[in-house]
Protein backbone atom coordinates (compact mmCIF):
# COMPACT_ATOMS: atom_id res chain seq x y z
CA MET A 1 0.02 -0.42 -0.17
CA LEU A 2 0.96 3.30 -0.96
CA HIS A 3 1.35 5.96 2.03
CA GLU A 4 0.68 9.45 1.61
CA SER A 5 4.68 10.32 3.13
CA ASP A 6 5.69 8.05 0.29
CA LEU A 7 4.42 11.16 -2.71
CA GLU A 8 5.41 13.71 -0.80
CA ASN A 9 8.93 12.76 -1.11
CA ASN A 10 8.56 12.38 -4.63
CA ILE A 11 6.73 16.07 -5.28
CA LYS A 12 8.32 19.62 -4.38
CA ILE A 13 6.02 22.83 -5.21
CA THR A 14 7.21 26.26 -4.88
CA ASP A 15 6.25 29.32 -6.23
CA THR A 16 7.86 30.85 -8.92
CA ASP A 17 7.96 33.92 -10.93
CA ILE A 18 7.80 32.50 -14.31
CA ASN A 19 4.28 33.13 -16.35
CA PHE A 20 2.65 32.84 -19.70
CA GLU A 21 4.04 36.36 -20.30
CA ILE A 22 7.62 36.01 -19.56
CA ILE A 23 8.14 32.51 -21.42
CA TYR A 24 6.50 35.11 -24.72
CA ASN A 25 9.42 37.41 -24.00
CA LYS A 26 12.20 34.48 -24.06
CA ASN A 27 15.18 34.40 -26.76
CA TYR A 28 14.18 31.24 -27.57
CA ILE A 29 10.67 31.80 -28.41
CA PRO A 30 10.53 32.28 -32.47
CA GLN A 31 8.81 35.62 -33.22
CA GLN A 32 7.16 34.21 -36.25
CA TYR A 33 5.04 31.50 -34.10
CA ILE A 34 4.16 34.34 -31.58
CA ASN A 35 0.41 34.16 -32.29
CA GLU A 36 -0.53 30.59 -32.32
CA ILE A 37 1.98 29.99 -29.27
CA LYS A 38 -0.26 32.37 -27.38
CA LYS A 39 -3.04 30.95 -27.93
CA ALA A 40 -1.93 27.91 -26.96
CA ASN A 41 -2.91 27.09 -22.79
CA VAL A 42 0.10 24.48 -22.63
CA LEU A 43 3.26 25.63 -23.51
CA ILE A 44 6.46 22.85 -24.03
CA ILE A 45 9.86 24.97 -22.89
CA PRO A 46 12.92 24.72 -22.58
CA SER A 47 15.59 23.88 -20.35
CA GLU A 48 17.76 26.96 -20.87
CA GLY A 49 21.94 26.63 -20.04
CA PHE A 50 24.09 23.10 -20.36
CA ARG A 51 27.65 23.43 -18.32
CA ASP A 52 28.57 26.41 -18.48
CA ASP A 53 27.09 27.67 -21.48
CA ASN A 54 23.78 29.72 -20.98
CA ASP A 55 22.63 30.21 -24.07
CA ILE A 56 22.32 26.79 -24.98
CA CYS A 57 18.12 25.67 -24.91
CA TYR A 58 17.28 21.89 -24.97
CA PHE A 59 14.55 19.46 -24.75
CA PRO A 60 14.57 15.67 -23.78
CA GLU A 61 14.91 13.15 -25.65
CA CYS A 62 10.98 12.54 -25.96
CA THR A 63 10.12 15.76 -26.85
CA SER A 64 9.12 15.59 -30.10
CA GLU A 65 6.93 12.25 -29.48
CA PHE A 66 5.12 14.12 -26.34
CA TYR A 67 4.89 17.26 -28.53
CA GLY A 68 2.86 14.86 -31.27
CA PHE A 69 0.58 13.15 -28.86
CA LEU A 70 -0.22 16.56 -27.08
CA LYS A 71 -0.89 18.03 -30.45
CA ASN A 72 -3.05 15.85 -31.71
CA LYS A 73 -5.79 16.47 -28.71
CA LYS A 74 -8.45 18.85 -29.29
CA LYS A 75 -9.17 19.48 -25.15
CA ILE A 76 -6.02 21.88 -24.93
CA GLN A 77 -4.22 24.01 -27.05
CA THR A 78 -0.55 22.78 -27.17
CA GLU A 79 2.96 24.78 -29.01
CA ILE A 80 6.34 24.15 -28.19
CA CYS A 81 8.49 27.06 -27.56
CA ILE A 82 11.15 26.96 -30.31
CA ASP A 83 11.67 26.76 -33.80
CA ASP A 84 12.63 23.50 -36.09
CA ASP A 85 16.58 25.04 -37.08
CA HIS A 86 17.16 25.64 -32.43
CA PHE A 87 15.29 22.10 -31.71
CA GLN A 88 18.22 20.11 -29.79
CA THR A 89 17.49 17.16 -27.72
CA LEU A 90 19.42 16.30 -24.48
CA GLU A 91 20.10 11.87 -24.37
CA LEU A 92 20.35 10.99 -20.68
CA HIS A 93 20.38 7.24 -20.97
CA ALA A 94 19.25 5.89 -17.55
CA ASP A 95 16.30 3.95 -16.36
CA ILE A 96 14.05 7.67 -16.07
CA ILE A 97 11.87 9.17 -18.75
CA TYR A 98 12.45 12.93 -19.01
CA ILE A 99 9.33 14.83 -19.88
CA ALA A 100 10.01 18.32 -21.34
CA THR A 101 8.85 21.48 -19.02
CA LEU A 102 5.56 22.46 -19.15
CA MET A 103 3.71 25.70 -18.30
CA VAL A 104 -0.12 25.58 -17.84
CA GLN A 105 -3.07 27.26 -17.54
CA TYR A 106 -4.72 25.96 -14.63
CA VAL A 107 -8.40 25.37 -16.34
CA VAL A 108 -6.48 22.87 -18.28
CA LEU A 109 -4.25 21.13 -15.02
CA PRO A 110 -6.27 18.08 -14.84
CA ILE A 111 -6.31 17.11 -18.84
CA VAL A 112 -3.28 17.59 -18.93
CA ILE A 113 -2.24 15.25 -15.82
CA ASN A 114 -4.88 12.93 -17.42
CA LEU A 115 -2.39 13.09 -21.13
CA ILE A 116 0.69 12.75 -19.51
CA SER A 117 0.32 9.52 -17.29
CA ALA A 118 -1.55 8.18 -20.68
CA TYR A 119 1.60 8.74 -22.75
CA LEU A 120 3.36 7.38 -19.64
CA VAL A 121 2.00 4.17 -19.42
CA ASP A 122 1.97 3.64 -23.34
CA LYS A 123 5.71 4.61 -23.56
CA VAL A 124 6.38 2.34 -20.48
CA LYS A 125 4.17 -0.59 -21.75
CA SER A 126 6.24 0.12 -25.54
CA MET A 127 9.69 -0.05 -23.40
CA ASN A 128 8.12 -3.83 -22.11
CA GLU A 129 8.54 -2.59 -18.72
CA ASP A 130 6.47 -2.56 -15.62
CA SER A 131 5.29 1.32 -14.28
CA LYS A 132 6.46 0.85 -10.56
CA SER A 133 10.06 -0.20 -12.26
CA ILE A 134 10.73 3.07 -14.44
CA ASN A 135 10.81 6.98 -13.20
CA VAL A 136 9.56 9.82 -14.30
CA ASN A 137 11.07 13.53 -13.85
CA ILE A 138 8.69 16.16 -15.07
CA HIS A 139 8.68 20.06 -14.79
CA ILE A 140 5.06 21.89 -14.49
CA ILE A 141 4.60 25.51 -14.48
CA VAL A 142 0.86 25.80 -13.64
CA GLU A 143 -0.43 29.56 -13.57
CA LYS A 144 -3.58 30.65 -12.01
CA ASN A 145 -5.17 34.29 -12.13
CA GLY A 146 -1.52 35.79 -12.46
CA LYS A 147 0.72 33.78 -9.36
CA SER A 148 2.57 30.53 -10.47
CA LYS A 149 3.49 27.23 -8.84
CA LYS A 150 6.31 24.87 -10.18
CA ILE A 151 5.59 21.39 -9.58
CA ASP A 152 8.67 18.72 -9.69
CA TYR A 153 7.69 15.14 -9.24
CA ASN A 154 10.78 12.71 -9.36
CA GLY A 155 9.04 9.57 -8.60
CA SER A 156 7.95 6.34 -10.24
CA VAL A 157 4.80 6.49 -13.38
CA ALA A 158 2.91 4.39 -11.31
CA ASN A 159 2.06 6.68 -8.68
CA LEU A 160 2.16 9.81 -10.88
CA GLU A 161 -1.16 10.47 -11.32
CA LYS A 162 -2.42 9.73 -8.08
CA THR A 163 0.17 12.06 -6.64
CA MET A 164 -0.62 14.94 -9.20
CA LYS A 165 -3.88 14.84 -8.65
CA VAL A 166 -3.62 15.30 -5.08
CA VAL A 167 -1.29 18.51 -6.34
CA GLU A 168 -3.84 19.37 -8.67
CA LYS A 169 -6.55 19.55 -5.88
CA THR A 170 -4.13 21.49 -3.50
CA ILE A 171 -1.62 23.77 -5.02
CA PHE A 172 -3.61 27.27 -5.15
CA LYS A 173 -5.16 26.80 -1.57
């Protein structure tokens, strides 16, 4: 049986000043697509800086696949915040699935949680693994009424949905 303290050890929630407007003004945002990006309620944003080079922006290796999965969902509007010429991936070979950082409007958070869980269950099945034995690392920045919170989850795929459902209900209380 999963104990509540086990869930708490996998999650960290912090206040952040990052919001949609700040993301729109980042150097990596392709200005030719800014109108489409501003219509989105889910943004896939790159990690900034690698080693000592702050100009490098990168995504985890499964980002293209994940973006394609989200892009086809009608209940959310998803965009990736980089153009094809600057898209770079970082492959970390481990038993951890790294998901790109998401910027999400609070109203679609429950949908996004369900979609991430579905994507990960399918991914784990394609790897012929058990969801309890594979970990996921994900960062979600949630904005509601001008305030933002950052959710950092690092734990098993099996516990993600249950943990995130608790967070979803309590994040802005």
